[in-house]
C-alpha atoms as a PDB file:
ATOM      1  CA  MET A   1      88.965 -15.105 -62.069  1.00  0.00           C
ATOM      2  CA  SER A   2      87.174 -16.962 -59.234  1.00  0.00           C
ATOM      3  CA  THR A   3      83.954 -18.932 -59.723  1.00  0.00           C
ATOM      4  CA  LYS A   4      82.218 -16.480 -57.394  1.00  0.00           C
ATOM      5  CA  HIS A   5      83.234 -13.436 -59.596  1.00  0.00           C
ATOM      6  CA  LEU A   6      82.134 -15.334 -62.757  1.00  0.00           C
ATOM      7  CA  ILE A   7      78.744 -16.003 -61.215  1.00  0.00           C
ATOM      8  CA  ILE A   8      78.309 -12.376 -60.239  1.00  0.00           C
ATOM      9  CA  LEU A   9      79.316 -11.231 -63.715  1.00  0.00           C
ATOM     10  CA  LEU A  10      76.921 -13.692 -65.423  1.00  0.00           C
ATOM     11  CA  PHE A  11      74.124 -12.614 -63.053  1.00  0.00           C
ATOM     12  CA  LEU A  12      74.770  -8.892 -63.859  1.00  0.00           C
ATOM     13  CA  GLY A  13      75.021  -9.706 -67.576  1.00  0.00           C
ATOM     14  CA  PHE A  14      71.758 -11.518 -67.632  1.00  0.00           C
ATOM     15  CA  ASN A  15      69.963  -8.736 -65.588  1.00  0.00           C
ATOM     16  CA  PHE A  16      71.374  -5.942 -67.881  1.00  0.00           C
ATOM     17  CA  GLY A  17      70.550  -7.979 -70.907  1.00  0.00           C
ATOM     18  CA  VAL A  18      66.938  -8.665 -69.906  1.00  0.00           C
ATOM     19  CA  SER A  19      66.020  -5.193 -68.566  1.00  0.00           C
ATOM     20  CA  GLN A  20      64.726  -2.773 -71.164  1.00  0.00           C
ATOM     21  CA  GLU A  21      63.284   0.625 -70.641  1.00  0.00           C
ATOM     22  CA  VAL A  22      59.585   0.646 -71.207  1.00  0.00           C
ATOM     23  CA  LYS A  23      58.218   3.964 -72.618  1.00  0.00           C
ATOM     24  CA  PHE A  24      55.205   5.550 -70.995  1.00  0.00           C
ATOM     25  CA  ASP A  25      52.157   5.474 -73.342  1.00  0.00           C
ATOM     26  CA  GLU A  26      50.081   8.522 -72.314  1.00  0.00           C
ATOM     27  CA  ASN A  27      47.273   7.684 -74.822  1.00  0.00           C
ATOM     28  CA  LEU A  28      46.949   4.147 -73.604  1.00  0.00           C
ATOM     29  CA  ALA A  29      46.993   5.261 -69.929  1.00  0.00           C
ATOM     30  CA  LYS A  30      44.266   7.790 -70.600  1.00  0.00           C
ATOM     31  CA  SER A  31      42.179   5.301 -72.537  1.00  0.00           C
ATOM     32  CA  LEU A  32      42.328   2.911 -69.638  1.00  0.00           C
ATOM     33  CA  GLY A  33      41.586   5.566 -66.954  1.00  0.00           C
ATOM     34  CA  ALA A  34      44.999   5.168 -65.296  1.00  0.00           C
ATOM     35  CA  ASP A  35      46.351   7.545 -62.719  1.00  0.00           C
ATOM     36  CA  ASP A  36      50.062   8.501 -62.595  1.00  0.00           C
ATOM     37  CA  TYR A  37      50.900   5.106 -61.072  1.00  0.00           C
ATOM     38  CA  GLY A  38      49.098   3.258 -63.906  1.00  0.00           C
ATOM     39  CA  MET A  39      46.394   2.329 -61.438  1.00  0.00           C
ATOM     40  CA  LYS A  40      42.680   2.879 -60.983  1.00  0.00           C
ATOM     41  CA  GLN A  41      39.843   2.128 -58.776  1.00  0.00           C
ATOM     42  CA  TYR A  42      37.526  -0.877 -59.247  1.00  0.00           C
ATOM     43  CA  VAL A  43      34.973  -2.687 -57.151  1.00  0.00           C
ATOM     44  CA  PHE A  44      35.922  -6.253 -56.117  1.00  0.00           C
ATOM     45  CA  CYS A  45      33.064  -8.688 -55.630  1.00  0.00           C
ATOM     46  CA  ILE A  46      33.191 -12.142 -54.089  1.00  0.00           C
ATOM     47  CA  LEU A  47      30.301 -14.420 -54.872  1.00  0.00           C
ATOM     48  CA  LYS A  48      29.477 -17.010 -52.265  1.00  0.00           C
ATOM     49  CA  THR A  49      27.061 -19.879 -52.017  1.00  0.00           C
ATOM     50  CA  GLY A  50      23.550 -18.447 -51.695  1.00  0.00           C
ATOM     51  CA  SER A  51      20.601 -19.502 -49.665  1.00  0.00           C
ATOM     52  CA  ASN A  52      18.605 -21.163 -52.444  1.00  0.00           C
ATOM     53  CA  THR A  53      19.149 -24.889 -51.775  1.00  0.00           C
ATOM     54  CA  THR A  54      15.809 -26.026 -53.283  1.00  0.00           C
ATOM     55  CA  ALA A  55      16.316 -25.079 -56.990  1.00  0.00           C
ATOM     56  CA  THR A  56      15.838 -28.008 -59.311  1.00  0.00           C
ATOM     57  CA  GLU A  57      18.664 -29.063 -61.750  1.00  0.00           C
ATOM     58  CA  LYS A  58      16.799 -27.347 -64.550  1.00  0.00           C
ATOM     59  CA  GLU A  59      16.356 -24.160 -62.522  1.00  0.00           C
ATOM     60  CA  ARG A  60      20.094 -24.085 -61.647  1.00  0.00           C
ATOM     61  CA  ASN A  61      21.008 -24.687 -65.224  1.00  0.00           C
ATOM     62  CA  ASP A  62      18.721 -21.797 -66.323  1.00  0.00           C
ATOM     63  CA  TYR A  63      20.348 -19.618 -63.556  1.00  0.00           C
ATOM     64  CA  PHE A  64      23.975 -20.466 -64.717  1.00  0.00           C
ATOM     65  CA  LYS A  65      23.072 -19.883 -68.378  1.00  0.00           C
ATOM     66  CA  GLY A  66      21.713 -16.443 -67.467  1.00  0.00           C
ATOM     67  CA  HIS A  67      24.823 -15.914 -65.227  1.00  0.00           C
ATOM     68  CA  MET A  68      27.201 -16.579 -68.080  1.00  0.00           C
ATOM     69  CA  GLU A  69      25.184 -14.421 -70.560  1.00  0.00           C
ATOM     70  CA  ASN A  70      25.298 -11.557 -67.922  1.00  0.00           C
ATOM     71  CA  ILE A  71      28.901 -11.902 -67.514  1.00  0.00           C
ATOM     72  CA  GLN A  72      29.427 -11.576 -71.346  1.00  0.00           C
ATOM     73  CA  ARG A  73      27.071  -8.599 -71.486  1.00  0.00           C
ATOM     74  CA  LEU A  74      28.804  -6.775 -68.739  1.00  0.00           C
ATOM     75  CA  ALA A  75      32.259  -7.592 -70.270  1.00  0.00           C
ATOM     76  CA  ASN A  76      31.109  -6.277 -73.607  1.00  0.00           C
ATOM     77  CA  GLU A  77      29.876  -3.103 -72.015  1.00  0.00           C
ATOM     78  CA  GLY A  78      33.319  -2.493 -70.326  1.00  0.00           C
ATOM     79  CA  LYS A  79      31.768  -2.702 -66.857  1.00  0.00           C
ATOM     80  CA  LEU A  80      33.385  -6.109 -65.971  1.00  0.00           C
ATOM     81  CA  ALA A  81      37.202  -6.259 -65.999  1.00  0.00           C
ATOM     82  CA  VAL A  82      37.593  -9.824 -64.750  1.00  0.00           C
ATOM     83  CA  ALA A  83      35.361 -12.752 -63.709  1.00  0.00           C
ATOM     84  CA  GLY A  84      36.018 -16.316 -62.760  1.00  0.00           C
ATOM     85  CA  PRO A  85      35.148 -19.143 -60.462  1.00  0.00           C
ATOM     86  CA  PHE A  86      37.053 -20.291 -57.427  1.00  0.00           C
ATOM     87  CA  MET A  87      38.177 -23.799 -57.083  1.00  0.00           C
ATOM     88  CA  LYS A  88      36.502 -25.935 -54.428  1.00  0.00           C
ATOM     89  CA  ASN A  89      37.135 -24.391 -50.964  1.00  0.00           C
ATOM     90  CA  ASP A  90      35.905 -24.334 -47.408  1.00  0.00           C
ATOM     91  CA  LYS A  91      34.864 -20.692 -47.366  1.00  0.00           C
ATOM     92  CA  ASN A  92      31.836 -21.197 -49.757  1.00  0.00           C
ATOM     93  CA  TYR A  93      33.515 -18.821 -52.280  1.00  0.00           C
ATOM     94  CA  ARG A  94      32.142 -19.480 -55.710  1.00  0.00           C
ATOM     95  CA  GLY A  95      33.649 -16.820 -57.863  1.00  0.00           C
ATOM     96  CA  LEU A  96      34.768 -13.222 -58.285  1.00  0.00           C
ATOM     97  CA  PHE A  97      33.946 -10.170 -60.298  1.00  0.00           C
ATOM     98  CA  VAL A  98      36.076  -7.048 -60.713  1.00  0.00           C
ATOM     99  CA  PHE A  99      33.808  -4.265 -61.761  1.00  0.00           C
ATOM    100  CA  ASN A 100      35.015  -1.296 -63.750  1.00  0.00           C
ATOM    101  CA  VAL A 101      33.189   1.231 -61.626  1.00  0.00           C
ATOM    102  CA  THR A 102      34.180   3.571 -58.803  1.00  0.00           C
ATOM    103  CA  THR A 103      31.326   3.112 -56.333  1.00  0.00           C
ATOM    104  CA  VAL A 104      29.961   0.121 -54.449  1.00  0.00           C
ATOM    105  CA  GLU A 105      26.462   1.361 -55.358  1.00  0.00           C
ATOM    106  CA  GLU A 106      27.227   1.101 -59.031  1.00  0.00           C
ATOM    107  CA  ALA A 107      28.654  -2.384 -58.494  1.00  0.00           C
ATOM    108  CA  LYS A 108      25.662  -3.471 -56.468  1.00  0.00           C
ATOM    109  CA  ALA A 109      23.323  -2.581 -59.478  1.00  0.00           C
ATOM    110  CA  LEU A 110      25.541  -4.616 -61.765  1.00  0.00           C
ATOM    111  CA  VAL A 111      25.807  -7.669 -59.591  1.00  0.00           C
ATOM    112  CA  GLU A 112      22.129  -7.653 -58.877  1.00  0.00           C
ATOM    113  CA  SER A 113      21.435  -7.836 -62.594  1.00  0.00           C
ATOM    114  CA  ASP A 114      22.747 -11.423 -62.443  1.00  0.00           C
ATOM    115  CA  PRO A 115      20.096 -14.153 -62.599  1.00  0.00           C
ATOM    116  CA  ALA A 116      22.016 -16.424 -60.287  1.00  0.00           C
ATOM    117  CA  VAL A 117      22.177 -13.597 -57.682  1.00  0.00           C
ATOM    118  CA  LYS A 118      18.475 -12.772 -58.154  1.00  0.00           C
ATOM    119  CA  GLY A 119      17.651 -16.430 -57.725  1.00  0.00           C
ATOM    120  CA  LYS A 120      19.822 -16.521 -54.488  1.00  0.00           C
ATOM    121  CA  ILE A 121      22.189 -19.141 -56.021  1.00  0.00           C
ATOM    122  CA  PHE A 122      24.848 -16.599 -55.179  1.00  0.00           C
ATOM    123  CA  GLU A 123      25.326 -13.935 -52.384  1.00  0.00           C
ATOM    124  CA  TYR A 124      27.916 -11.357 -52.653  1.00  0.00           C
ATOM    125  CA  GLU A 125      30.275  -9.004 -50.890  1.00  0.00           C
ATOM    126  CA  LEU A 126      31.627  -5.813 -52.512  1.00  0.00           C
ATOM    127  CA  THR A 127      34.598  -3.611 -51.662  1.00  0.00           C
ATOM    128  CA  PRO A 128      36.529  -0.796 -53.388  1.00  0.00           C
ATOM    129  CA  TRP A 129      39.824  -2.043 -54.883  1.00  0.00           C
ATOM    130  CA  TYR A 130      42.866  -0.303 -56.300  1.00  0.00           C
ATOM    131  CA  CYS A 131      44.703  -2.128 -59.093  1.00  0.00           C
ATOM    132  CA  SER A 132      46.483  -1.737 -62.423  1.00  0.00           C
ATOM    133  CA  ALA A 133      44.415  -0.078 -65.131  1.00  0.00           C
ATOM    134  CA  ALA A 134      45.944  -2.696 -67.437  1.00  0.00           C
ATOM    135  CA  LEU A 135      43.353  -5.156 -66.012  1.00  0.00           C
ATOM    136  CA  MET A 136      41.002  -3.608 -68.546  1.00  0.00           C
ATOM    137  CA  LYS A 137      42.964  -5.328 -71.349  1.00  0.00           C
ATOM    138  CA  VAL A 138      42.160  -8.846 -70.008  1.00  0.00           C
ATOM    139  CA  ASN A 139      38.902  -9.299 -71.835  1.00  0.00           C
ATOM    140  CA  GLU A 140      40.435  -8.192 -75.174  1.00  0.00           C
ATOM    141  CA  ILE A 141      43.299 -10.456 -74.837  1.00  0.00           C
ATOM    142  CA  HIS A 142      41.158 -13.365 -73.532  1.00  0.00           C
ATOM    143  CA  GLN A 143      39.128 -13.287 -76.757  1.00  0.00           C
ATOM    144  CA  THR A 144      42.232 -13.943 -78.786  1.00  0.00           C
ATOM    145  CA  ILE A 145      43.154 -17.103 -76.675  1.00  0.00           C
ATOM    146  CA  GLN A 146      39.660 -18.529 -76.052  1.00  0.00           C
ATOM    147  CA  LYS A 147      39.332 -21.564 -78.236  1.00  0.00           C
ATOM    148  CA  THR A 148      35.932 -22.635 -76.888  1.00  0.00           C
ATOM    149  CA  LYS A 149      33.049 -20.196 -75.947  1.00  0.00           C
ATOM    150  CA  PHE A 150      30.733 -20.800 -73.038  1.00  0.00           C
END
């Protein structure tokens, strides 16, 4: 047997050994609001640097404390699938939210409940987004791997 044939057999063996049929879980799909593709609609939000450039350090700290509390509240209510900051960039992007709602109007009400948005520390853009319904499991999993709380 040639080296070429051996490599092909090893490749096929690894592929067959790794692949396992995953069973469809209808109850889980329904609980997450998944369609037949395992997907659902969300609203994606990009937070950008806002127009408030005169806030004191104490005011900024207060806005960010409220921002983090609001994130936790929305996550606990099941309205926020994912949130997180961007690393330093030249687009003034500060962070993102993925809201577990189907309309931009619903997401607008949620993002405007954020003290840092109210204080114009952040501005935002909203757009409908289609993604895996499994995204709704991120918060649950994150709690099991988060050693330090904000």
